[in-house]
Amino acid sequence: MSESSIDESEAIPETLRERDQWVCWREEERDDKLTKIPITPATGGFASSTDPETWASFETALEYTETDHADGVGFVFTDDDPIVGVDLDDCRDPETGDVDDAALDIIERLDSYTEVSPSGTGYHVLIKGELPEGRNRRGSIELYDTARFFTVTGDHVERTPTRVARRQDALTAIHREYVQDTERDTVSKSEQRGGADDQSPTTGAADVDVDLEDENLLEKARNASNGEKFERLWNGNTVGYDSQSEADMALCCLLAFWTGGDRTQMEQLFRQSGLFREKWDEVHYADGSTYGEKTIERAIATTSEFYDPDAGDDAADPHGPPDGVTAGGTPDDADRSRAYLAEKNRLLTKRVDELEATLEQKTERIDTLEAEVERLTDELAARDRETEQPQNEQTGTARENEDESETSSVWSRTMRLFDGGFG
């Protein structure tokens, strides 16, 4: 475990420590990127932000970090607690401690327990309140209140409260100004160019560029020939799909096309869509991958070609990306059909495997029941034989008595004849 994972456990507010909503995490490299994987304290299995059975007390989680199997602890947000986490990424220089103005503004206005993130390049602010409706992320600012875990370091920021304070009004205002409000995205290109030389890599201007890129991308997707389908999926409409999982895959494939297969941007965009649900962050695979990670991975693998913004709009296919599961700059019907059939075949194969497993279970059950029927039949036959034996014995005794009685009767008659003849 790294020394900075838990700086001062006593600094972590009691409001958090008293709840059995803790997991551990370890850092693993995936796709050339370090990722924090949630794990169950004490057991080391993969934890889920939606399964309380994989959580533990703070003490248990902290104790497990003393082993070589965990790098730190994390707090899980649920609907049953009033805790909201504000994640401020890429806003702090770990060498100098310099912080950008937007992050300072948010920290000061929330005025609640704040700590430095594990990387040292950001902050985590924890407050009590209710997260407003709408998007929960813009640029390097993210807000969480359920179905997510927050890494906790105990590296408390001086001059911020040591308690988790209730800050509903401040949260609502910050959400409106920094996350939900689109006016921040309307900075003119001349302003962006004029201030580009004065901005550091960690300033808010970089975040505006990212957000503008997202907005432009979504606009292009909506204006494509299949933009109506994209819009339906984006709004969470699954009509025409056998399951929401298929709809998830379809939207991810469209996003893969427009983002050029950028996993991070796909992840960010999907979380803003109407299809996003708690299942997205659930660990569904033996390697610790979540449902969302695998869906994105498969979408990128299925996509044959990608939109190239550098080539200009004229280079893009005028018919837009494919409708469901493949995409490309100039895809033809054969490409679309092959990719679609490949994905459909995968889903059907999975379904066949499930049905075969169910059939095997039912066959085993039938064999068990047939063996039980045979056993009961044999037992019943044995009982019938046991019942017949006493009856046969009784019948034999009766016949013997009848024979004896008949013999006695014949002897009596004979004696009477003898007595009469010699009388």
Protein backbone atom coordinates (compact mmCIF):
# COMPACT_ATOMS: atom_id res chain seq x y z
CA MET A 1 0.00 0.00 0.00
CA SER A 2 1.33 3.44 -0.81
CA GLU A 3 2.05 5.68 2.17
CA SER A 4 -0.29 8.41 0.89
CA SER A 5 -3.33 6.17 0.47
CA ILE A 6 -4.56 6.93 4.00
CA ASP A 7 -2.72 9.92 5.43
CA GLU A 8 -4.72 10.36 8.63
CA SER A 9 -7.67 8.03 9.18
CA GLU A 10 -8.71 10.16 12.17
CA ALA A 11 -9.19 13.11 9.83
CA ILE A 12 -12.00 11.33 8.00
CA PRO A 13 -15.33 12.58 9.42
CA GLU A 14 -17.22 10.31 11.80
CA THR A 15 -20.31 10.80 9.60
CA LEU A 16 -18.58 8.65 7.00
CA ARG A 17 -16.70 6.26 9.28
CA GLU A 18 -19.84 5.18 11.14
CA ARG A 19 -21.47 3.82 7.98
CA ASP A 20 -20.81 0.28 6.70
CA GLN A 21 -20.41 1.57 3.15
CA TRP A 22 -16.70 1.02 2.62
CA VAL A 23 -14.74 -0.86 -0.01
CA CYS A 24 -11.05 -1.09 -0.80
CA TRP A 25 -9.43 -0.41 -4.15
CA ARG A 26 -6.29 -1.31 -5.97
CA GLU A 27 -4.73 0.24 -9.01
CA GLU A 28 -4.46 -1.84 -12.16
CA GLU A 29 -3.41 -1.00 -15.68
CA ARG A 30 -6.10 -1.40 -18.32
CA ASP A 31 -5.70 -0.27 -21.89
CA ASP A 32 -2.45 1.51 -20.95
CA LYS A 33 -4.30 3.48 -18.29
CA LEU A 34 -4.20 3.08 -14.50
CA THR A 35 -7.67 2.29 -13.16
CA LYS A 36 -8.87 1.99 -9.58
CA ILE A 37 -10.67 -1.34 -9.16
CA PRO A 38 -13.10 -1.65 -6.19
CA ILE A 39 -12.52 -4.78 -4.09
CA THR A 40 -14.31 -6.30 -1.12
CA PRO A 41 -12.48 -5.75 2.19
CA ALA A 42 -11.09 -8.92 3.81
CA THR A 43 -11.91 -11.20 0.87
CA GLY A 44 -10.21 -9.39 -2.00
CA GLY A 45 -13.04 -10.18 -4.44
CA PHE A 46 -14.38 -7.58 -6.82
CA ALA A 47 -16.78 -5.15 -5.12
CA SER A 48 -19.87 -3.57 -6.62
CA SER A 49 -21.13 -0.08 -5.88
CA THR A 50 -24.69 -1.48 -5.93
CA ASP A 51 -24.20 -4.65 -3.85
CA PRO A 52 -24.06 -4.04 -0.06
CA GLU A 53 -22.82 -7.61 0.44
CA THR A 54 -19.45 -6.47 -0.96
CA TRP A 55 -19.07 -3.53 1.46
CA ALA A 56 -17.77 -3.47 5.01
CA SER A 57 -17.13 -1.20 7.99
CA PHE A 58 -14.46 1.46 7.84
CA GLU A 59 -12.29 -0.45 10.33
CA THR A 60 -12.43 -3.63 8.24
CA ALA A 61 -11.58 -1.76 5.05
CA LEU A 62 -8.74 0.15 6.72
CA GLU A 63 -7.29 -3.05 8.16
CA TYR A 64 -7.29 -4.71 4.73
CA THR A 65 -5.19 -1.87 3.29
CA GLU A 66 -2.35 -3.10 5.50
CA THR A 67 -2.05 -6.13 3.22
CA ASP A 68 -0.47 -6.19 -0.23
CA HIS A 69 -3.89 -6.64 -1.86
CA ALA A 70 -5.28 -3.10 -1.53
CA ASP A 71 -4.01 0.41 -2.20
CA GLY A 72 -6.67 2.38 -0.36
CA VAL A 73 -10.27 2.67 0.81
CA GLY A 74 -13.38 4.09 -0.78
CA PHE A 75 -16.81 5.25 0.39
CA VAL A 76 -19.89 4.05 -1.51
CA PHE A 77 -22.72 6.53 -2.11
CA THR A 78 -26.28 5.19 -1.80
CA ASP A 79 -29.85 6.46 -1.96
CA ASP A 80 -30.13 5.84 1.78
CA ASP A 81 -27.60 8.46 2.83
CA PRO A 82 -27.51 12.26 2.32
CA ILE A 83 -23.87 12.31 1.22
CA VAL A 84 -22.86 13.90 -2.09
CA GLY A 85 -19.33 13.77 -3.47
CA VAL A 86 -17.82 16.52 -5.60
CA ASP A 87 -14.84 15.32 -7.65
CA LEU A 88 -12.50 18.02 -8.97
CA ASP A 89 -9.93 16.52 -11.34
CA ASP A 90 -6.80 17.99 -12.89
CA CYS A 91 -7.02 21.25 -10.98
CA ARG A 92 -3.99 21.03 -8.67
CA ASP A 93 -0.26 20.97 -9.36
CA PRO A 94 1.10 18.24 -7.06
CA GLU A 95 4.56 19.82 -7.06
CA THR A 96 3.66 23.43 -6.23
CA GLY A 97 0.17 22.99 -4.80
CA ASP A 98 -1.21 25.64 -7.16
CA VAL A 99 -4.96 25.35 -7.74
CA ASP A 100 -7.05 26.74 -10.58
CA ASP A 101 -9.63 29.43 -9.85
CA ALA A 102 -12.71 27.31 -10.59
CA ALA A 103 -11.70 24.61 -8.10
CA LEU A 104 -10.93 27.22 -5.42
CA ASP A 105 -14.31 28.84 -6.00
CA ILE A 106 -16.14 25.52 -5.61
CA ILE A 107 -14.18 24.49 -2.51
CA GLU A 108 -14.75 27.84 -0.80
CA ARG A 109 -18.47 27.95 -1.57
CA LEU A 110 -19.15 24.37 -0.48
CA ASP A 111 -17.17 24.96 2.74
CA SER A 112 -17.20 21.30 3.83
CA TYR A 113 -14.72 18.46 4.40
CA THR A 114 -12.21 18.51 1.53
CA GLU A 115 -9.21 16.27 0.86
CA VAL A 116 -6.55 15.82 -1.80
CA SER A 117 -7.22 12.95 -4.22
CA PRO A 118 -4.87 9.91 -4.39
CA SER A 119 -3.13 11.28 -7.50
CA GLY A 120 -2.48 14.63 -5.84
CA THR A 121 -3.85 16.43 -8.89
CA GLY A 122 -7.39 17.01 -7.65
CA TYR A 123 -9.74 17.35 -4.69
CA HIS A 124 -12.70 15.51 -3.23
CA VAL A 125 -15.35 17.52 -1.39
CA LEU A 126 -18.00 15.70 0.66
CA ILE A 127 -21.22 17.44 1.68
CA LYS A 128 -24.77 16.66 2.76
CA GLY A 129 -27.51 17.51 0.31
CA GLU A 130 -29.51 16.30 -2.64
CA LEU A 131 -27.99 16.25 -6.10
CA PRO A 132 -30.09 18.33 -8.53
CA GLU A 133 -31.56 16.66 -11.58
CA GLY A 134 -29.75 16.82 -14.88
CA ARG A 135 -26.25 15.96 -15.97
CA ASN A 136 -23.73 15.21 -13.25
CA ARG A 137 -20.50 15.87 -15.13
CA ARG A 138 -18.91 18.58 -17.19
CA GLY A 139 -15.24 18.57 -18.01
CA SER A 140 -13.21 17.77 -14.90
CA ILE A 141 -16.08 18.31 -12.45
CA GLU A 142 -18.22 15.36 -11.39
CA LEU A 143 -20.98 15.03 -8.79
CA TYR A 144 -22.05 11.71 -7.26
CA ASP A 145 -24.75 10.71 -4.80
CA THR A 146 -25.50 7.03 -5.53
CA ALA A 147 -24.11 3.84 -7.07
CA ARG A 148 -20.51 5.10 -7.13
CA PHE A 149 -17.53 4.84 -4.80
CA PHE A 150 -15.24 7.70 -3.83
CA THR A 151 -11.60 7.11 -2.99
CA VAL A 152 -10.88 8.55 0.46
CA THR A 153 -7.36 9.53 1.56
CA GLY A 154 -7.73 11.45 4.80
CA ASP A 155 -5.35 14.05 3.33
CA HIS A 156 -7.46 16.88 4.72
CA VAL A 157 -7.10 20.32 3.16
CA GLU A 158 -6.25 22.94 5.76
CA ARG A 159 -8.73 25.74 6.37
CA THR A 160 -11.64 23.56 5.28
CA PRO A 161 -14.10 22.10 7.81
CA THR A 162 -13.38 18.73 9.40
CA ARG A 163 -17.05 17.75 9.19
CA VAL A 164 -19.43 16.92 6.37
CA ALA A 165 -21.61 20.02 6.26
CA ARG A 166 -25.07 20.45 4.75
CA ARG A 167 -24.70 22.76 1.75
CA GLN A 168 -27.81 22.35 -0.40
CA ASP A 169 -27.98 25.93 -1.64
CA ALA A 170 -24.31 26.00 -2.60
CA LEU A 171 -24.58 22.61 -4.30
CA THR A 172 -27.58 23.73 -6.34
CA ALA A 173 -25.81 26.90 -7.46
CA ILE A 174 -22.56 25.13 -8.34
CA HIS A 175 -24.42 22.44 -10.27
CA ARG A 176 -26.26 25.11 -12.24
CA GLU A 177 -23.19 27.23 -12.95
CA TYR A 178 -20.47 24.64 -13.51
CA VAL A 179 -22.29 21.51 -14.66
CA GLN A 180 -25.78 22.14 -15.99
CA ASP A 181 -25.58 25.69 -17.37
CA THR A 182 -24.76 25.63 -21.10
CA GLU A 183 -23.90 29.33 -21.19
CA ARG A 184 -20.37 28.41 -20.22
CA ASP A 185 -20.15 26.50 -23.49
CA THR A 186 -20.94 29.52 -25.63
CA VAL A 187 -17.55 31.18 -25.33
CA SER A 188 -16.75 32.63 -28.73
CA LYS A 189 -13.92 31.14 -30.74
CA SER A 190 -12.19 34.52 -30.77
CA GLU A 191 -12.18 34.57 -26.95
CA GLN A 192 -10.81 31.05 -26.89
CA ARG A 193 -8.04 31.95 -29.31
CA GLY A 194 -7.27 35.20 -27.52
CA GLY A 195 -6.84 33.52 -24.15
CA ALA A 196 -5.23 30.32 -25.28
CA ASP A 197 -1.68 31.49 -24.67
CA ASP A 198 -2.48 32.66 -21.15
CA GLN A 199 -4.11 29.47 -19.94
CA SER A 200 -2.28 26.66 -18.15
CA PRO A 201 -3.04 23.01 -18.96
CA THR A 202 -5.13 22.76 -15.81
CA THR A 203 -7.35 25.83 -16.18
CA GLY A 204 -11.07 25.85 -16.75
CA ALA A 205 -10.60 26.92 -20.37
CA ALA A 206 -9.41 23.44 -21.27
CA ASP A 207 -12.61 22.04 -19.84
CA VAL A 208 -14.66 24.40 -22.01
CA ASP A 209 -12.85 23.12 -25.09
CA VAL A 210 -13.68 19.55 -24.14
CA ASP A 211 -17.32 20.39 -23.53
CA LEU A 212 -17.62 22.29 -26.78
CA GLU A 213 -16.17 19.28 -28.55
CA ASP A 214 -18.80 17.06 -26.94
CA GLU A 215 -21.61 19.41 -27.89
CA ASN A 216 -20.39 19.64 -31.48
CA LEU A 217 -20.10 15.87 -31.66
CA LEU A 218 -23.65 15.37 -30.38
CA GLU A 219 -24.92 17.95 -32.86
CA LYS A 220 -23.28 16.09 -35.75
CA ALA A 221 -24.75 12.79 -34.53
CA ARG A 222 -28.24 14.29 -34.34
CA ASN A 223 -27.95 15.83 -37.82
CA ALA A 224 -26.80 12.61 -39.50
CA SER A 225 -29.25 10.64 -41.64
CA ASN A 226 -29.85 8.28 -38.73
CA GLY A 227 -29.89 11.14 -36.27
CA GLU A 228 -33.47 10.37 -35.28
CA LYS A 229 -32.43 6.92 -34.08
CA PHE A 230 -29.45 8.39 -32.24
CA GLU A 231 -31.75 10.92 -30.57
CA ARG A 232 -34.15 8.17 -29.45
CA LEU A 233 -31.33 6.12 -27.94
CA TRP A 234 -29.77 9.19 -26.38
CA ASN A 235 -33.08 9.99 -24.69
CA GLY A 236 -33.37 6.43 -23.35
CA ASN A 237 -35.94 5.07 -25.81
CA THR A 238 -35.35 1.32 -26.36
CA VAL A 239 -38.23 0.71 -28.79
CA GLY A 240 -37.12 -1.70 -31.51
CA TYR A 241 -34.60 -3.55 -29.33
CA ASP A 242 -35.13 -6.89 -27.60
CA SER A 243 -33.52 -5.59 -24.41
CA GLN A 244 -31.96 -2.46 -22.98
CA SER A 245 -28.57 -4.17 -23.21
CA GLU A 246 -28.94 -4.25 -27.00
CA ALA A 247 -29.93 -0.58 -26.96
CA ASP A 248 -26.87 0.18 -24.83
CA MET A 249 -24.68 -1.56 -27.39
CA ALA A 250 -26.31 0.31 -30.28
CA LEU A 251 -25.74 3.70 -28.68
CA CYS A 252 -22.15 2.81 -27.74
CA CYS A 253 -21.42 1.81 -31.33
CA LEU A 254 -22.70 5.15 -32.56
CA LEU A 255 -20.60 6.91 -29.93
CA ALA A 256 -17.59 4.79 -30.94
CA PHE A 257 -17.98 6.08 -34.50
CA TRP A 258 -18.29 9.73 -33.60
CA THR A 259 -15.58 9.76 -30.90
CA GLY A 260 -13.08 7.82 -33.00
CA GLY A 261 -13.14 4.99 -30.46
CA ASP A 262 -12.15 7.24 -27.53
CA ARG A 263 -13.11 5.15 -24.47
CA THR A 264 -12.98 8.05 -22.04
CA GLN A 265 -15.20 10.28 -24.15
CA MET A 266 -17.61 7.41 -24.82
CA GLU A 267 -17.85 6.76 -21.10
CA GLN A 268 -18.45 10.42 -20.35
CA LEU A 269 -21.11 10.81 -23.02
CA PHE A 270 -22.99 7.61 -22.21
CA ARG A 271 -23.33 8.67 -18.58
CA GLN A 272 -25.18 11.77 -19.81
CA SER A 273 -27.62 9.73 -21.91
CA GLY A 274 -31.06 8.52 -20.93
CA LEU A 275 -29.87 4.90 -21.10
CA PHE A 276 -27.46 5.27 -18.19
CA ARG A 277 -28.43 3.11 -15.21
CA GLU A 278 -26.84 1.58 -12.10
CA LYS A 279 -25.98 -1.62 -13.98
CA TRP A 280 -23.38 0.34 -15.95
CA ASP A 281 -20.99 0.35 -12.97
CA GLU A 282 -21.67 -3.19 -11.78
CA VAL A 283 -18.85 -5.74 -12.01
CA HIS A 284 -20.14 -8.50 -14.29
CA TYR A 285 -16.98 -10.29 -15.34
CA ALA A 286 -14.28 -12.43 -13.71
CA ASP A 287 -11.53 -9.98 -14.67
CA GLY A 288 -13.22 -7.22 -12.66
CA SER A 289 -14.62 -5.39 -15.66
CA THR A 290 -17.91 -3.60 -15.24
CA TYR A 291 -20.86 -3.97 -17.57
CA GLY A 292 -20.15 -0.51 -18.97
CA GLU A 293 -16.47 -1.20 -19.62
CA LYS A 294 -17.24 -4.38 -21.54
CA THR A 295 -20.02 -2.73 -23.52
CA ILE A 296 -17.65 0.01 -24.65
CA GLU A 297 -14.92 -2.52 -25.41
CA ARG A 298 -17.26 -4.61 -27.59
CA ALA A 299 -18.65 -1.53 -29.32
CA ILE A 300 -15.18 -0.40 -30.35
CA ALA A 301 -14.26 -3.92 -31.49
CA THR A 302 -17.44 -4.09 -33.57
CA THR A 303 -16.93 -0.71 -35.22
CA SER A 304 -15.06 -1.06 -38.49
CA GLU A 305 -14.39 2.61 -39.33
CA PHE A 306 -14.53 5.90 -37.47
CA TYR A 307 -15.45 9.50 -38.11
CA ASP A 308 -12.40 11.63 -38.86
CA PRO A 309 -13.00 15.29 -37.93
CA ASP A 310 -9.66 16.34 -39.44
CA ALA A 311 -10.82 15.20 -42.86
CA GLY A 312 -13.70 17.70 -42.79
CA ASP A 313 -17.42 17.12 -42.98
CA ASP A 314 -17.24 16.34 -46.69
CA ALA A 315 -15.15 13.27 -45.95
CA ALA A 316 -17.81 11.77 -43.72
CA ASP A 317 -20.30 9.37 -45.16
CA PRO A 318 -23.33 11.44 -46.23
CA HIS A 319 -25.56 8.65 -45.02
CA GLY A 320 -24.14 8.87 -41.55
CA PRO A 321 -22.91 6.03 -39.33
CA PRO A 322 -24.71 2.70 -39.32
CA ASP A 323 -27.93 2.31 -37.45
CA GLY A 324 -27.07 -0.28 -34.88
CA VAL A 325 -23.76 -1.90 -34.32
CA THR A 326 -21.17 -0.82 -36.86
CA ALA A 327 -19.89 2.48 -38.11
CA GLY A 328 -17.48 3.92 -40.59
CA GLY A 329 -16.52 6.88 -42.73
CA THR A 330 -17.88 5.20 -45.87
CA PRO A 331 -19.65 2.02 -44.78
CA ASP A 332 -21.67 0.15 -47.36
CA ASP A 333 -24.70 -2.03 -46.76
CA ALA A 334 -22.59 -5.20 -46.72
CA ASP A 335 -20.39 -3.81 -43.92
CA ARG A 336 -23.43 -2.86 -41.92
CA SER A 337 -25.05 -6.23 -42.42
CA ARG A 338 -21.92 -8.17 -41.50
CA ALA A 339 -21.32 -6.22 -38.34
CA TYR A 340 -24.97 -6.32 -37.36
CA LEU A 341 -25.17 -10.06 -37.96
CA ALA A 342 -21.95 -10.61 -36.04
CA GLU A 343 -23.35 -8.86 -32.99
CA LYS A 344 -26.73 -10.54 -33.37
CA ASN A 345 -24.97 -13.89 -33.64
CA ARG A 346 -23.06 -13.17 -30.46
CA LEU A 347 -26.26 -12.38 -28.60
CA LEU A 348 -28.00 -15.46 -30.01
CA THR A 349 -25.03 -17.67 -29.14
CA LYS A 350 -25.13 -16.37 -25.61
CA ARG A 351 -28.86 -17.06 -25.43
CA VAL A 352 -28.38 -20.58 -26.81
CA ASP A 353 -25.71 -21.26 -24.19
CA GLU A 354 -28.10 -20.08 -21.48
CA LEU A 355 -30.90 -22.29 -22.82
CA GLU A 356 -28.58 -25.30 -23.11
CA ALA A 357 -27.49 -24.82 -19.52
CA THR A 358 -31.13 -24.61 -18.44
CA LEU A 359 -31.98 -27.72 -20.46
CA GLU A 360 -29.10 -29.62 -18.86
CA GLN A 361 -30.35 -28.65 -15.42
CA LYS A 362 -33.88 -29.79 -16.28
CA THR A 363 -32.56 -33.08 -17.71
CA GLU A 364 -30.67 -33.75 -14.51
CA ARG A 365 -33.84 -32.98 -12.57
CA ILE A 366 -35.85 -35.41 -14.69
CA ASP A 367 -33.26 -38.15 -14.12
CA THR A 368 -33.43 -37.52 -10.40
CA LEU A 369 -37.23 -37.67 -10.39
CA GLU A 370 -37.27 -40.88 -12.46
CA ALA A 371 -34.86 -42.53 -10.05
CA GLU A 372 -37.06 -41.42 -7.17
CA VAL A 373 -40.17 -42.84 -8.89
CA GLU A 374 -38.38 -46.19 -9.44
CA ARG A 375 -37.33 -46.30 -5.80
CA LEU A 376 -40.83 -45.57 -4.59
CA THR A 377 -42.26 -48.21 -6.97
CA ASP A 378 -39.90 -50.88 -5.61
CA GLU A 379 -40.73 -49.85 -2.05
CA LEU A 380 -44.45 -50.10 -2.77
CA ALA A 381 -44.05 -53.58 -4.32
CA ALA A 382 -42.12 -54.77 -1.29
CA ARG A 383 -44.87 -53.54 1.00
CA ASP A 384 -47.48 -55.34 -1.10
CA ARG A 385 -45.54 -58.62 -0.77
CA GLU A 386 -45.27 -58.17 2.98
CA THR A 387 -49.06 -57.63 3.15
CA GLU A 388 -49.87 -60.72 1.04
CA GLN A 389 -47.77 -63.13 3.17
CA PRO A 390 -49.87 -62.91 6.37
CA GLN A 391 -53.01 -63.29 4.29
CA ASN A 392 -51.65 -66.53 2.71
CA GLU A 393 -50.72 -67.87 6.14
CA GLN A 394 -54.21 -67.17 7.43
CA THR A 395 -55.77 -68.89 4.41
CA GLY A 396 -53.57 -71.99 4.90
CA THR A 397 -54.53 -72.32 8.54
CA ALA A 398 -58.20 -72.11 7.69
CA ARG A 399 -57.85 -74.84 5.11
CA GLU A 400 -56.04 -77.09 7.59
CA ASN A 401 -58.82 -76.56 10.10
CA GLU A 402 -61.40 -77.42 7.44
CA ASP A 403 -59.49 -80.62 6.53
CA GLU A 404 -59.24 -81.64 10.18
CA SER A 405 -62.94 -80.95 10.65
CA GLU A 406 -63.84 -83.01 7.57
CA THR A 407 -61.59 -85.90 8.69
CA SER A 408 -63.18 -85.87 12.11
CA SER A 409 -66.62 -85.93 10.58
CA VAL A 410 -65.77 -88.94 8.35
CA TRP A 411 -64.29 -90.86 11.31
CA SER A 412 -67.40 -90.19 13.34
CA ARG A 413 -69.62 -91.56 10.63
CA THR A 414 -67.41 -94.63 10.26
CA MET A 415 -67.51 -95.37 13.97
CA ARG A 416 -71.25 -95.10 13.95
CA LEU A 417 -71.43 -97.66 11.14
CA PHE A 418 -69.20 -100.04 13.06
CA ASP A 419 -71.22 -99.60 16.20
CA GLY A 420 -74.47 -100.29 14.29
CA GLY A 421 -73.09 -103.43 12.60
CA PHE A 422 -71.90 -105.09 15.75
CA GLY A 423 -74.67 -103.90 18.03
